[in-house]
Amino acid sequence: APRRSGERRRWLETLVAEPRAAVF
């Protein structure tokens, strides 16, 4: 996962509608 909160939240936004399980 990205280290910084801002980058991390933008990354998490890409998973909002992701139908697959995500592992990190």
mmCIF file of all heavy atoms, coordinates in Angstrom:
data_MODEL
# 
_entry.id   MODEL 
# 
loop_
_atom_site.group_PDB 
_atom_site.id 
_atom_site.type_symbol 
_atom_site.label_atom_id 
_atom_site.label_alt_id 
_atom_site.label_comp_id 
_atom_site.label_asym_id 
_atom_site.label_entity_id 
_atom_site.label_seq_id 
_atom_site.pdbx_PDB_ins_code 
_atom_site.Cartn_x 
_atom_site.Cartn_y 
_atom_site.Cartn_z 
_atom_site.occupancy 
_atom_site.B_iso_or_equiv 
_atom_site.pdbx_formal_charge 
_atom_site.auth_seq_id 
_atom_site.auth_comp_id 
_atom_site.auth_asym_id 
_atom_site.auth_atom_id 
_atom_site.pdbx_PDB_model_num 
ATOM 1   N N   . ALA A 1 1  ? 0.840   -1.191  0.000   1.00 0.00 ? 1  ALA A N   1 
ATOM 2   C CA  . ALA A 1 1  ? 0.000   0.000   0.000   1.00 0.00 ? 1  ALA A CA  1 
ATOM 3   C C   . ALA A 1 1  ? 0.881   1.249   0.000   1.00 0.00 ? 1  ALA A C   1 
ATOM 4   O O   . ALA A 1 1  ? 1.969   1.240   0.592   1.00 0.00 ? 1  ALA A O   1 
ATOM 5   C CB  . ALA A 1 1  ? -0.911  0.005   1.227   1.00 0.00 ? 1  ALA A CB  1 
ATOM 6   N N   . PRO A 1 2  ? 0.450   2.332   -0.662  1.00 0.00 ? 2  PRO A N   1 
ATOM 7   C CA  . PRO A 1 2  ? 1.228   3.577   -0.630  1.00 0.00 ? 2  PRO A CA  1 
ATOM 8   C C   . PRO A 1 2  ? 1.451   4.049   0.802   1.00 0.00 ? 2  PRO A C   1 
ATOM 9   O O   . PRO A 1 2  ? 0.601   3.875   1.677   1.00 0.00 ? 2  PRO A O   1 
ATOM 10  C CB  . PRO A 1 2  ? 0.337   4.556   -1.405  1.00 0.00 ? 2  PRO A CB  1 
ATOM 11  C CG  . PRO A 1 2  ? -0.471  3.686   -2.312  1.00 0.00 ? 2  PRO A CG  1 
ATOM 12  C CD  . PRO A 1 2  ? -0.738  2.438   -1.523  1.00 0.00 ? 2  PRO A CD  1 
ATOM 13  N N   . ARG A 1 3  ? 2.606   4.673   1.018   1.00 0.00 ? 3  ARG A N   1 
ATOM 14  C CA  . ARG A 1 3  ? 2.970   5.094   2.372   1.00 0.00 ? 3  ARG A CA  1 
ATOM 15  C C   . ARG A 1 3  ? 2.189   6.324   2.852   1.00 0.00 ? 3  ARG A C   1 
ATOM 16  O O   . ARG A 1 3  ? 1.801   6.407   4.012   1.00 0.00 ? 3  ARG A O   1 
ATOM 17  C CB  . ARG A 1 3  ? 4.472   5.410   2.435   1.00 0.00 ? 3  ARG A CB  1 
ATOM 18  C CG  . ARG A 1 3  ? 5.369   4.191   2.277   1.00 0.00 ? 3  ARG A CG  1 
ATOM 19  C CD  . ARG A 1 3  ? 6.815   4.598   2.136   1.00 0.00 ? 3  ARG A CD  1 
ATOM 20  N NE  . ARG A 1 3  ? 7.703   3.441   2.076   1.00 0.00 ? 3  ARG A NE  1 
ATOM 21  C CZ  . ARG A 1 3  ? 8.342   2.927   3.120   1.00 0.00 ? 3  ARG A CZ  1 
ATOM 22  N NH1 . ARG A 1 3  ? 8.179   3.480   4.317   1.00 0.00 ? 3  ARG A NH1 1 
ATOM 23  N NH2 . ARG A 1 3  ? 9.128   1.880   2.990   1.00 0.00 ? 3  ARG A NH2 1 
ATOM 24  N N   . ARG A 1 4  ? 1.967   7.293   1.956   1.00 0.00 ? 4  ARG A N   1 
ATOM 25  C CA  . ARG A 1 4  ? 1.333   8.553   2.356   1.00 0.00 ? 4  ARG A CA  1 
ATOM 26  C C   . ARG A 1 4  ? -0.188  8.452   2.257   1.00 0.00 ? 4  ARG A C   1 
ATOM 27  O O   . ARG A 1 4  ? -0.724  7.845   1.323   1.00 0.00 ? 4  ARG A O   1 
ATOM 28  C CB  . ARG A 1 4  ? 1.845   9.700   1.494   1.00 0.00 ? 4  ARG A CB  1 
ATOM 29  C CG  . ARG A 1 4  ? 3.350   9.923   1.618   1.00 0.00 ? 4  ARG A CG  1 
ATOM 30  C CD  . ARG A 1 4  ? 3.794   11.091  0.745   1.00 0.00 ? 4  ARG A CD  1 
ATOM 31  N NE  . ARG A 1 4  ? 5.232   11.281  0.811   1.00 0.00 ? 4  ARG A NE  1 
ATOM 32  C CZ  . ARG A 1 4  ? 5.862   11.961  1.774   1.00 0.00 ? 4  ARG A CZ  1 
ATOM 33  N NH1 . ARG A 1 4  ? 5.142   12.531  2.741   1.00 0.00 ? 4  ARG A NH1 1 
ATOM 34  N NH2 . ARG A 1 4  ? 7.178   12.087  1.764   1.00 0.00 ? 4  ARG A NH2 1 
ATOM 35  N N   . SER A 1 5  ? -0.867  9.097   3.210   1.00 0.00 ? 5  SER A N   1 
ATOM 36  C CA  . SER A 1 5  ? -2.317  8.966   3.292   1.00 0.00 ? 5  SER A CA  1 
ATOM 37  C C   . SER A 1 5  ? -3.016  9.442   2.028   1.00 0.00 ? 5  SER A C   1 
ATOM 38  O O   . SER A 1 5  ? -3.949  8.802   1.542   1.00 0.00 ? 5  SER A O   1 
ATOM 39  C CB  . SER A 1 5  ? -2.856  9.743   4.496   1.00 0.00 ? 5  SER A CB  1 
ATOM 40  O OG  . SER A 1 5  ? -4.259  9.587   4.599   1.00 0.00 ? 5  SER A OG  1 
ATOM 41  N N   . GLY A 1 6  ? -2.577  10.579  1.458   1.00 0.00 ? 6  GLY A N   1 
ATOM 42  C CA  . GLY A 1 6  ? -3.224  11.087  0.259   1.00 0.00 ? 6  GLY A CA  1 
ATOM 43  C C   . GLY A 1 6  ? -3.119  10.119  -0.898  1.00 0.00 ? 6  GLY A C   1 
ATOM 44  O O   . GLY A 1 6  ? -4.111  9.827   -1.587  1.00 0.00 ? 6  GLY A O   1 
ATOM 45  N N   . GLU A 1 7  ? -1.919  9.597   -1.137  1.00 0.00 ? 7  GLU A N   1 
ATOM 46  C CA  . GLU A 1 7  ? -1.719  8.620   -2.202  1.00 0.00 ? 7  GLU A CA  1 
ATOM 47  C C   . GLU A 1 7  ? -2.483  7.335   -1.904  1.00 0.00 ? 7  GLU A C   1 
ATOM 48  O O   . GLU A 1 7  ? -3.036  6.700   -2.800  1.00 0.00 ? 7  GLU A O   1 
ATOM 49  C CB  . GLU A 1 7  ? -0.234  8.312   -2.355  1.00 0.00 ? 7  GLU A CB  1 
ATOM 50  C CG  . GLU A 1 7  ? 0.604   9.497   -2.811  1.00 0.00 ? 7  GLU A CG  1 
ATOM 51  C CD  . GLU A 1 7  ? 2.081   9.149   -2.862  1.00 0.00 ? 7  GLU A CD  1 
ATOM 52  O OE1 . GLU A 1 7  ? 2.422   7.954   -2.682  1.00 0.00 ? 7  GLU A OE1 1 
ATOM 53  O OE2 . GLU A 1 7  ? 2.896   10.057  -3.069  1.00 0.00 ? 7  GLU A OE2 1 
ATOM 54  N N   . ARG A 1 8  ? -2.503  6.974   -0.630  1.00 0.00 ? 8  ARG A N   1 
ATOM 55  C CA  . ARG A 1 8  ? -3.186  5.741   -0.237  1.00 0.00 ? 8  ARG A CA  1 
ATOM 56  C C   . ARG A 1 8  ? -4.685  5.850   -0.498  1.00 0.00 ? 8  ARG A C   1 
ATOM 57  O O   . ARG A 1 8  ? -5.319  4.907   -0.995  1.00 0.00 ? 8  ARG A O   1 
ATOM 58  C CB  . ARG A 1 8  ? -2.901  5.456   1.236   1.00 0.00 ? 8  ARG A CB  1 
ATOM 59  C CG  . ARG A 1 8  ? -3.288  4.062   1.685   1.00 0.00 ? 8  ARG A CG  1 
ATOM 60  C CD  . ARG A 1 8  ? -2.599  3.708   2.974   1.00 0.00 ? 8  ARG A CD  1 
ATOM 61  N NE  . ARG A 1 8  ? -2.811  4.682   4.019   1.00 0.00 ? 8  ARG A NE  1 
ATOM 62  C CZ  . ARG A 1 8  ? -1.834  5.239   4.737   1.00 0.00 ? 8  ARG A CZ  1 
ATOM 63  N NH1 . ARG A 1 8  ? -0.573  4.915   4.512   1.00 0.00 ? 8  ARG A NH1 1 
ATOM 64  N NH2 . ARG A 1 8  ? -2.106  6.109   5.692   1.00 0.00 ? 8  ARG A NH2 1 
ATOM 65  N N   . ARG A 1 9  ? -5.267  6.989   -0.180  1.00 0.00 ? 9  ARG A N   1 
ATOM 66  C CA  . ARG A 1 9  ? -6.701  7.156   -0.410  1.00 0.00 ? 9  ARG A CA  1 
ATOM 67  C C   . ARG A 1 9  ? -7.024  7.160   -1.899  1.00 0.00 ? 9  ARG A C   1 
ATOM 68  O O   . ARG A 1 9  ? -8.047  6.612   -2.317  1.00 0.00 ? 9  ARG A O   1 
ATOM 69  C CB  . ARG A 1 9  ? -7.202  8.441   0.252   1.00 0.00 ? 9  ARG A CB  1 
ATOM 70  C CG  . ARG A 1 9  ? -7.230  8.348   1.776   1.00 0.00 ? 9  ARG A CG  1 
ATOM 71  C CD  . ARG A 1 9  ? -8.074  9.420   2.388   1.00 0.00 ? 9  ARG A CD  1 
ATOM 72  N NE  . ARG A 1 9  ? -8.178  9.275   3.833   1.00 0.00 ? 9  ARG A NE  1 
ATOM 73  C CZ  . ARG A 1 9  ? -9.194  9.714   4.556   1.00 0.00 ? 9  ARG A CZ  1 
ATOM 74  N NH1 . ARG A 1 9  ? -10.196 10.338  3.981   1.00 0.00 ? 9  ARG A NH1 1 
ATOM 75  N NH2 . ARG A 1 9  ? -9.209  9.548   5.867   1.00 0.00 ? 9  ARG A NH2 1 
ATOM 76  N N   . ARG A 1 10 ? -6.165  7.778   -2.710  1.00 0.00 ? 10 ARG A N   1 
ATOM 77  C CA  . ARG A 1 10 ? -6.398  7.753   -4.154  1.00 0.00 ? 10 ARG A CA  1 
ATOM 78  C C   . ARG A 1 10 ? -6.294  6.324   -4.688  1.00 0.00 ? 10 ARG A C   1 
ATOM 79  O O   . ARG A 1 10 ? -7.055  5.925   -5.588  1.00 0.00 ? 10 ARG A O   1 
ATOM 80  C CB  . ARG A 1 10 ? -5.399  8.668   -4.860  1.00 0.00 ? 10 ARG A CB  1 
ATOM 81  C CG  . ARG A 1 10 ? -5.688  10.149  -4.667  1.00 0.00 ? 10 ARG A CG  1 
ATOM 82  C CD  . ARG A 1 10 ? -4.842  11.009  -5.571  1.00 0.00 ? 10 ARG A CD  1 
ATOM 83  N NE  . ARG A 1 10 ? -3.439  11.002  -5.188  1.00 0.00 ? 10 ARG A NE  1 
ATOM 84  C CZ  . ARG A 1 10 ? -2.902  11.818  -4.289  1.00 0.00 ? 10 ARG A CZ  1 
ATOM 85  N NH1 . ARG A 1 10 ? -3.664  12.711  -3.666  1.00 0.00 ? 10 ARG A NH1 1 
ATOM 86  N NH2 . ARG A 1 10 ? -1.618  11.753  -3.990  1.00 0.00 ? 10 ARG A NH2 1 
ATOM 87  N N   . TRP A 1 11 ? -5.355  5.551   -4.138  1.00 0.00 ? 11 TRP A N   1 
ATOM 88  C CA  . TRP A 1 11 ? -5.244  4.145   -4.532  1.00 0.00 ? 11 TRP A CA  1 
ATOM 89  C C   . TRP A 1 11 ? -6.486  3.368   -4.112  1.00 0.00 ? 11 TRP A C   1 
ATOM 90  O O   . TRP A 1 11 ? -7.033  2.576   -4.898  1.00 0.00 ? 11 TRP A O   1 
ATOM 91  C CB  . TRP A 1 11 ? -3.988  3.550   -3.896  1.00 0.00 ? 11 TRP A CB  1 
ATOM 92  C CG  . TRP A 1 11 ? -3.954  2.057   -3.873  1.00 0.00 ? 11 TRP A CG  1 
ATOM 93  C CD1 . TRP A 1 11 ? -3.884  1.213   -4.936  1.00 0.00 ? 11 TRP A CD1 1 
ATOM 94  C CD2 . TRP A 1 11 ? -4.026  1.220   -2.710  1.00 0.00 ? 11 TRP A CD2 1 
ATOM 95  N NE1 . TRP A 1 11 ? -3.880  -0.097  -4.510  1.00 0.00 ? 11 TRP A NE1 1 
ATOM 96  C CE2 . TRP A 1 11 ? -3.968  -0.115  -3.155  1.00 0.00 ? 11 TRP A CE2 1 
ATOM 97  C CE3 . TRP A 1 11 ? -4.098  1.487   -1.340  1.00 0.00 ? 11 TRP A CE3 1 
ATOM 98  C CZ2 . TRP A 1 11 ? -4.011  -1.192  -2.269  1.00 0.00 ? 11 TRP A CZ2 1 
ATOM 99  C CZ3 . TRP A 1 11 ? -4.132  0.414   -0.460  1.00 0.00 ? 11 TRP A CZ3 1 
ATOM 100 C CH2 . TRP A 1 11 ? -4.098  -0.903  -0.929  1.00 0.00 ? 11 TRP A CH2 1 
ATOM 101 N N   . LEU A 1 12 ? -6.965  3.581   -2.903  1.00 0.00 ? 12 LEU A N   1 
ATOM 102 C CA  . LEU A 1 12 ? -8.153  2.884   -2.419  1.00 0.00 ? 12 LEU A CA  1 
ATOM 103 C C   . LEU A 1 12 ? -9.385  3.231   -3.260  1.00 0.00 ? 12 LEU A C   1 
ATOM 104 O O   . LEU A 1 12 ? -10.274 2.393   -3.440  1.00 0.00 ? 12 LEU A O   1 
ATOM 105 C CB  . LEU A 1 12 ? -8.404  3.216   -0.951  1.00 0.00 ? 12 LEU A CB  1 
ATOM 106 C CG  . LEU A 1 12 ? -7.442  2.567   0.054   1.00 0.00 ? 12 LEU A CG  1 
ATOM 107 C CD1 . LEU A 1 12 ? -7.548  3.243   1.420   1.00 0.00 ? 12 LEU A CD1 1 
ATOM 108 C CD2 . LEU A 1 12 ? -7.720  1.063   0.177   1.00 0.00 ? 12 LEU A CD2 1 
ATOM 109 N N   . GLU A 1 13 ? -9.428  4.452   -3.773  1.00 0.00 ? 13 GLU A N   1 
ATOM 110 C CA  . GLU A 1 13 ? -10.563 4.846   -4.619  1.00 0.00 ? 13 GLU A CA  1 
ATOM 111 C C   . GLU A 1 13 ? -10.647 3.986   -5.872  1.00 0.00 ? 13 GLU A C   1 
ATOM 112 O O   . GLU A 1 13 ? -11.738 3.763   -6.415  1.00 0.00 ? 13 GLU A O   1 
ATOM 113 C CB  . GLU A 1 13 ? -10.450 6.328   -4.983  1.00 0.00 ? 13 GLU A CB  1 
ATOM 114 C CG  . GLU A 1 13 ? -10.779 7.258   -3.819  1.00 0.00 ? 13 GLU A CG  1 
ATOM 115 C CD  . GLU A 1 13 ? -10.437 8.705   -4.101  1.00 0.00 ? 13 GLU A CD  1 
ATOM 116 O OE1 . GLU A 1 13 ? -9.928  8.995   -5.215  1.00 0.00 ? 13 GLU A OE1 1 
ATOM 117 O OE2 . GLU A 1 13 ? -10.674 9.560   -3.227  1.00 0.00 ? 13 GLU A OE2 1 
ATOM 118 N N   . THR A 1 14 ? -9.503  3.483   -6.344  1.00 0.00 ? 14 THR A N   1 
ATOM 119 C CA  . THR A 1 14 ? -9.528  2.612   -7.521  1.00 0.00 ? 14 THR A CA  1 
ATOM 120 C C   . THR A 1 14 ? -10.133 1.247   -7.206  1.00 0.00 ? 14 THR A C   1 
ATOM 121 O O   . THR A 1 14 ? -10.463 0.488   -8.119  1.00 0.00 ? 14 THR A O   1 
ATOM 122 C CB  . THR A 1 14 ? -8.108  2.406   -8.101  1.00 0.00 ? 14 THR A CB  1 
ATOM 123 O OG1 . THR A 1 14 ? -7.318  1.629   -7.183  1.00 0.00 ? 14 THR A OG1 1 
ATOM 124 C CG2 . THR A 1 14 ? -7.421  3.743   -8.353  1.00 0.00 ? 14 THR A CG2 1 
ATOM 125 N N   . LEU A 1 15 ? -10.268 0.941   -5.905  1.00 0.00 ? 15 LEU A N   1 
ATOM 126 C CA  . LEU A 1 15 ? -10.818 -0.350  -5.498  1.00 0.00 ? 15 LEU A CA  1 
ATOM 127 C C   . LEU A 1 15 ? -12.291 -0.265  -5.092  1.00 0.00 ? 15 LEU A C   1 
ATOM 128 O O   . LEU A 1 15 ? -12.887 -1.282  -4.747  1.00 0.00 ? 15 LEU A O   1 
ATOM 129 C CB  . LEU A 1 15 ? -10.009 -0.910  -4.322  1.00 0.00 ? 15 LEU A CB  1 
ATOM 130 C CG  . LEU A 1 15 ? -8.521  -1.148  -4.585  1.00 0.00 ? 15 LEU A CG  1 
ATOM 131 C CD1 . LEU A 1 15 ? -7.834  -1.636  -3.314  1.00 0.00 ? 15 LEU A CD1 1 
ATOM 132 C CD2 . LEU A 1 15 ? -8.307  -2.140  -5.715  1.00 0.00 ? 15 LEU A CD2 1 
ATOM 133 N N   . VAL A 1 16 ? -12.871 0.938   -5.138  1.00 0.00 ? 16 VAL A N   1 
ATOM 134 C CA  . VAL A 1 16 ? -14.254 1.111   -4.699  1.00 0.00 ? 16 VAL A CA  1 
ATOM 135 C C   . VAL A 1 16 ? -15.196 0.199   -5.477  1.00 0.00 ? 16 VAL A C   1 
ATOM 136 O O   . VAL A 1 16 ? -16.071 -0.461  -4.906  1.00 0.00 ? 16 VAL A O   1 
ATOM 137 C CB  . VAL A 1 16 ? -14.693 2.585   -4.849  1.00 0.00 ? 16 VAL A CB  1 
ATOM 138 C CG1 . VAL A 1 16 ? -16.201 2.716   -4.639  1.00 0.00 ? 16 VAL A CG1 1 
ATOM 139 C CG2 . VAL A 1 16 ? -13.958 3.460   -3.850  1.00 0.00 ? 16 VAL A CG2 1 
ATOM 140 N N   . ALA A 1 17 ? -15.042 0.149   -6.792  1.00 0.00 ? 17 ALA A N   1 
ATOM 141 C CA  . ALA A 1 17 ? -15.930 -0.673  -7.621  1.00 0.00 ? 17 ALA A CA  1 
ATOM 142 C C   . ALA A 1 17 ? -15.251 -1.937  -8.136  1.00 0.00 ? 17 ALA A C   1 
ATOM 143 O O   . ALA A 1 17 ? -15.822 -2.638  -8.974  1.00 0.00 ? 17 ALA A O   1 
ATOM 144 C CB  . ALA A 1 17 ? -16.445 0.151   -8.801  1.00 0.00 ? 17 ALA A CB  1 
ATOM 145 N N   . GLU A 1 18 ? -14.050 -2.257  -7.617  1.00 0.00 ? 18 GLU A N   1 
ATOM 146 C CA  . GLU A 1 18 ? -13.320 -3.444  -8.080  1.00 0.00 ? 18 GLU A CA  1 
ATOM 147 C C   . GLU A 1 18 ? -14.061 -4.717  -7.651  1.00 0.00 ? 18 GLU A C   1 
ATOM 148 O O   . GLU A 1 18 ? -14.209 -4.977  -6.462  1.00 0.00 ? 18 GLU A O   1 
ATOM 149 C CB  . GLU A 1 18 ? -11.906 -3.444  -7.495  1.00 0.00 ? 18 GLU A CB  1 
ATOM 150 C CG  . GLU A 1 18 ? -11.087 -4.694  -7.759  1.00 0.00 ? 18 GLU A CG  1 
ATOM 151 C CD  . GLU A 1 18 ? -10.957 -5.009  -9.226  1.00 0.00 ? 18 GLU A CD  1 
ATOM 152 O OE1 . GLU A 1 18 ? -10.342 -4.206  -9.946  1.00 0.00 ? 18 GLU A OE1 1 
ATOM 153 O OE2 . GLU A 1 18 ? -11.506 -6.058  -9.649  1.00 0.00 ? 18 GLU A OE2 1 
ATOM 154 N N   . PRO A 1 19 ? -14.525 -5.529  -8.625  1.00 0.00 ? 19 PRO A N   1 
ATOM 155 C CA  . PRO A 1 19 ? -15.300 -6.715  -8.246  1.00 0.00 ? 19 PRO A CA  1 
ATOM 156 C C   . PRO A 1 19 ? -14.448 -7.869  -7.731  1.00 0.00 ? 19 PRO A C   1 
ATOM 157 O O   . PRO A 1 19 ? -14.963 -8.788  -7.105  1.00 0.00 ? 19 PRO A O   1 
ATOM 158 C CB  . PRO A 1 19 ? -16.001 -7.097  -9.560  1.00 0.00 ? 19 PRO A CB  1 
ATOM 159 C CG  . PRO A 1 19 ? -15.079 -6.607  -10.634 1.00 0.00 ? 19 PRO A CG  1 
ATOM 160 C CD  . PRO A 1 19 ? -14.470 -5.344  -10.090 1.00 0.00 ? 19 PRO A CD  1 
ATOM 161 N N   . ARG A 1 20 ? -13.139 -7.824  -7.990  1.00 0.00 ? 20 ARG A N   1 
ATOM 162 C CA  . ARG A 1 20 ? -12.262 -8.908  -7.542  1.00 0.00 ? 20 ARG A CA  1 
ATOM 163 C C   . ARG A 1 20 ? -11.767 -8.658  -6.126  1.00 0.00 ? 20 ARG A C   1 
ATOM 164 O O   . ARG A 1 20 ? -11.679 -7.517  -5.678  1.00 0.00 ? 20 ARG A O   1 
ATOM 165 C CB  . ARG A 1 20 ? -11.056 -9.024  -8.472  1.00 0.00 ? 20 ARG A CB  1 
ATOM 166 C CG  . ARG A 1 20 ? -11.389 -9.359  -9.904  1.00 0.00 ? 20 ARG A CG  1 
ATOM 167 C CD  . ARG A 1 20 ? -10.185 -9.210  -10.806 1.00 0.00 ? 20 ARG A CD  1 
ATOM 168 N NE  . ARG A 1 20 ? -9.725  -7.819  -10.871 1.00 0.00 ? 20 ARG A NE  1 
ATOM 169 C CZ  . ARG A 1 20 ? -8.673  -7.409  -11.550 1.00 0.00 ? 20 ARG A CZ  1 
ATOM 170 N NH1 . ARG A 1 20 ? -7.948  -8.289  -12.214 1.00 0.00 ? 20 ARG A NH1 1 
ATOM 171 N NH2 . ARG A 1 20 ? -8.334  -6.128  -11.565 1.00 0.00 ? 20 ARG A NH2 1 
ATOM 172 N N   . ALA A 1 21 ? -11.444 -9.719  -5.412  1.00 0.00 ? 21 ALA A N   1 
ATOM 173 C CA  . ALA A 1 21 ? -10.772 -9.565  -4.121  1.00 0.00 ? 21 ALA A CA  1 
ATOM 174 C C   . ALA A 1 21 ? -9.423  -8.899  -4.385  1.00 0.00 ? 21 ALA A C   1 
ATOM 175 O O   . ALA A 1 21 ? -8.797  -9.132  -5.414  1.00 0.00 ? 21 ALA A O   1 
ATOM 176 C CB  . ALA A 1 21 ? -10.580 -10.915 -3.456  1.00 0.00 ? 21 ALA A CB  1 
ATOM 177 N N   . ALA A 1 22 ? -8.986  -8.048  -3.468  1.00 0.00 ? 22 ALA A N   1 
ATOM 178 C CA  . ALA A 1 22 ? -7.702  -7.353  -3.612  1.00 0.00 ? 22 ALA A CA  1 
ATOM 179 C C   . ALA A 1 22 ? -6.792  -7.739  -2.458  1.00 0.00 ? 22 ALA A C   1 
ATOM 180 O O   . ALA A 1 22 ? -7.201  -7.718  -1.293  1.00 0.00 ? 22 ALA A O   1 
ATOM 181 C CB  . ALA A 1 22 ? -7.910  -5.842  -3.639  1.00 0.00 ? 22 ALA A CB  1 
ATOM 182 N N   . VAL A 1 23 ? -5.555  -8.095  -2.776  1.00 0.00 ? 23 VAL A N   1 
ATOM 183 C CA  . VAL A 1 23 ? -4.571  -8.488  -1.770  1.00 0.00 ? 23 VAL A CA  1 
ATOM 184 C C   . VAL A 1 23 ? -3.435  -7.474  -1.786  1.00 0.00 ? 23 VAL A C   1 
ATOM 185 O O   . VAL A 1 23 ? -2.976  -7.074  -2.859  1.00 0.00 ? 23 VAL A O   1 
ATOM 186 C CB  . VAL A 1 23 ? -3.992  -9.884  -2.067  1.00 0.00 ? 23 VAL A CB  1 
ATOM 187 C CG1 . VAL A 1 23 ? -3.120  -10.358 -0.910  1.00 0.00 ? 23 VAL A CG1 1 
ATOM 188 C CG2 . VAL A 1 23 ? -5.104  -10.874 -2.340  1.00 0.00 ? 23 VAL A CG2 1 
ATOM 189 N N   . PHE A 1 24 ? -2.999  -7.059  -0.609  1.00 0.00 ? 24 PHE A N   1 
ATOM 190 C CA  . PHE A 1 24 ? -1.845  -6.164  -0.554  1.00 0.00 ? 24 PHE A CA  1 
ATOM 191 C C   . PHE A 1 24 ? -1.062  -6.393  0.731   1.00 0.00 ? 24 PHE A C   1 
ATOM 192 O O   . PHE A 1 24 ? -1.573  -6.952  1.700   1.00 0.00 ? 24 PHE A O   1 
ATOM 193 C CB  . PHE A 1 24 ? -2.264  -4.695  -0.679  1.00 0.00 ? 24 PHE A CB  1 
ATOM 194 C CG  . PHE A 1 24 ? -3.109  -4.150  0.443   1.00 0.00 ? 24 PHE A CG  1 
ATOM 195 C CD1 . PHE A 1 24 ? -2.530  -3.538  1.551   1.00 0.00 ? 24 PHE A CD1 1 
ATOM 196 C CD2 . PHE A 1 24 ? -4.491  -4.230  0.390   1.00 0.00 ? 24 PHE A CD2 1 
ATOM 197 C CE1 . PHE A 1 24 ? -3.303  -3.016  2.579   1.00 0.00 ? 24 PHE A CE1 1 
ATOM 198 C CE2 . PHE A 1 24 ? -5.281  -3.720  1.412   1.00 0.00 ? 24 PHE A CE2 1 
ATOM 199 C CZ  . PHE A 1 24 ? -4.679  -3.112  2.505   1.00 0.00 ? 24 PHE A CZ  1 
# 
